[in-house]
Amino acid sequence: MTTAATRVLDFYRDGFRRMTVGKTLWKIIIIKLLIMFAVLKLFFFPNFLKTNFETDEQRADYVLEQITRSPVHNN
């Protein structure tokens, strides 16, 4: 006796096996995501802590200060 979860998993597995155009589209989507995240990481998210602080202790102190400081209220 198969469970509902097993039937659902079998349905999707068989569906992906029989895809022809869908496999190509999934490959394109994955390649685009990898390129997008690589570009975003390299150009838009520089390693702030590595460039502004020399030691791990300085980095840790800065992060701790940023996490524990009280928020600024604009009234």
C-alpha atoms as a PDB file:
ATOM      1  CA  MET A   1       0.000   0.000   0.000  1.00  0.00           C
ATOM      2  CA  THR A   2       1.530   3.333  -1.064  1.00  0.00           C
ATOM      3  CA  THR A   3       1.130   6.521   0.853  1.00  0.00           C
ATOM      4  CA  ALA A   4      -0.035   9.805  -0.611  1.00  0.00           C
ATOM      5  CA  ALA A   5       3.452  11.285  -0.257  1.00  0.00           C
ATOM      6  CA  THR A   6       4.976   8.401  -2.234  1.00  0.00           C
ATOM      7  CA  ARG A   7       2.383   8.809  -4.993  1.00  0.00           C
ATOM      8  CA  VAL A   8       3.083  12.547  -5.211  1.00  0.00           C
ATOM      9  CA  LEU A   9       6.848  11.980  -5.361  1.00  0.00           C
ATOM     10  CA  ASP A  10       6.393   9.309  -8.055  1.00  0.00           C
ATOM     11  CA  PHE A  11       4.181  11.683 -10.043  1.00  0.00           C
ATOM     12  CA  TYR A  12       6.796  14.444 -10.060  1.00  0.00           C
ATOM     13  CA  ARG A  13       9.710  12.066 -10.688  1.00  0.00           C
ATOM     14  CA  ASP A  14       7.957  10.502 -13.684  1.00  0.00           C
ATOM     15  CA  GLY A  15       6.956  13.934 -14.953  1.00  0.00           C
ATOM     16  CA  PHE A  16      10.520  15.216 -14.868  1.00  0.00           C
ATOM     17  CA  ARG A  17      11.820  12.059 -16.565  1.00  0.00           C
ATOM     18  CA  ARG A  18       9.429  12.441 -19.497  1.00  0.00           C
ATOM     19  CA  MET A  19      10.082  16.144 -20.041  1.00  0.00           C
ATOM     20  CA  THR A  20      11.894  17.168 -23.212  1.00  0.00           C
ATOM     21  CA  VAL A  21      11.529  20.928 -23.546  1.00  0.00           C
ATOM     22  CA  GLY A  22      11.173  21.327 -19.796  1.00  0.00           C
ATOM     23  CA  LYS A  23      14.628  19.888 -19.118  1.00  0.00           C
ATOM     24  CA  THR A  24      16.178  22.449 -21.427  1.00  0.00           C
ATOM     25  CA  LEU A  25      14.219  25.254 -19.806  1.00  0.00           C
ATOM     26  CA  TRP A  26      15.267  24.121 -16.311  1.00  0.00           C
ATOM     27  CA  LYS A  27      18.911  24.067 -17.434  1.00  0.00           C
ATOM     28  CA  ILE A  28      18.566  27.616 -18.785  1.00  0.00           C
ATOM     29  CA  ILE A  29      16.929  28.787 -15.554  1.00  0.00           C
ATOM     30  CA  ILE A  30      19.669  27.247 -13.396  1.00  0.00           C
ATOM     31  CA  ILE A  31      22.437  28.730 -15.559  1.00  0.00           C
ATOM     32  CA  LYS A  32      20.802  32.178 -15.405  1.00  0.00           C
ATOM     33  CA  LEU A  33      20.489  31.988 -11.613  1.00  0.00           C
ATOM     34  CA  LEU A  34      24.109  30.949 -11.207  1.00  0.00           C
ATOM     35  CA  ILE A  35      25.290  33.801 -13.416  1.00  0.00           C
ATOM     36  CA  MET A  36      23.035  36.332 -11.699  1.00  0.00           C
ATOM     37  CA  PHE A  37      24.159  35.375  -8.194  1.00  0.00           C
ATOM     38  CA  ALA A  38      27.816  35.265  -9.214  1.00  0.00           C
ATOM     39  CA  VAL A  39      27.586  38.755 -10.726  1.00  0.00           C
ATOM     40  CA  LEU A  40      25.658  40.115  -7.751  1.00  0.00           C
ATOM     41  CA  LYS A  41      28.152  38.630  -5.311  1.00  0.00           C
ATOM     42  CA  LEU A  42      31.189  39.963  -7.140  1.00  0.00           C
ATOM     43  CA  PHE A  43      30.036  43.470  -7.981  1.00  0.00           C
ATOM     44  CA  PHE A  44      27.288  44.448  -5.554  1.00  0.00           C
ATOM     45  CA  PHE A  45      28.250  42.728  -2.304  1.00  0.00           C
ATOM     46  CA  PRO A  46      31.933  43.361  -1.628  1.00  0.00           C
ATOM     47  CA  ASN A  47      33.465  41.867   1.497  1.00  0.00           C
ATOM     48  CA  PHE A  48      32.971  44.905   3.754  1.00  0.00           C
ATOM     49  CA  LEU A  49      34.540  43.416   6.865  1.00  0.00           C
ATOM     50  CA  LYS A  50      37.581  42.067   5.047  1.00  0.00           C
ATOM     51  CA  THR A  51      38.340  45.400   3.378  1.00  0.00           C
ATOM     52  CA  ASN A  52      37.714  47.679   6.375  1.00  0.00           C
ATOM     53  CA  PHE A  53      39.234  45.688   9.241  1.00  0.00           C
ATOM     54  CA  GLU A  54      42.583  43.954   9.533  1.00  0.00           C
ATOM     55  CA  THR A  55      42.008  41.300  12.205  1.00  0.00           C
ATOM     56  CA  ASP A  56      39.225  38.906  13.123  1.00  0.00           C
ATOM     57  CA  GLU A  57      38.980  40.557  16.532  1.00  0.00           C
ATOM     58  CA  GLN A  58      38.272  43.977  14.948  1.00  0.00           C
ATOM     59  CA  ARG A  59      35.646  42.390  12.686  1.00  0.00           C
ATOM     60  CA  ALA A  60      33.986  40.631  15.616  1.00  0.00           C
ATOM     61  CA  ASP A  61      33.944  43.836  17.684  1.00  0.00           C
ATOM     62  CA  TYR A  62      32.343  45.761  14.826  1.00  0.00           C
ATOM     63  CA  VAL A  63      29.659  43.117  14.262  1.00  0.00           C
ATOM     64  CA  LEU A  64      28.913  42.920  17.996  1.00  0.00           C
ATOM     65  CA  GLU A  65      28.628  46.717  18.163  1.00  0.00           C
ATOM     66  CA  GLN A  66      26.246  46.804  15.197  1.00  0.00           C
ATOM     67  CA  ILE A  67      24.056  44.050  16.601  1.00  0.00           C
ATOM     68  CA  THR A  68      23.821  45.381  20.150  1.00  0.00           C
ATOM     69  CA  ARG A  69      23.542  49.134  19.602  1.00  0.00           C
ATOM     70  CA  SER A  70      20.189  50.738  20.305  1.00  0.00           C
ATOM     71  CA  PRO A  71      18.118  51.824  17.314  1.00  0.00           C
ATOM     72  CA  VAL A  72      17.962  55.504  16.377  1.00  0.00           C
ATOM     73  CA  HIS A  73      14.459  56.943  16.654  1.00  0.00           C
ATOM     74  CA  ASN A  74      13.513  59.792  14.333  1.00  0.00           C
ATOM     75  CA  ASN A  75      10.718  61.706  16.076  1.00  0.00           C
END
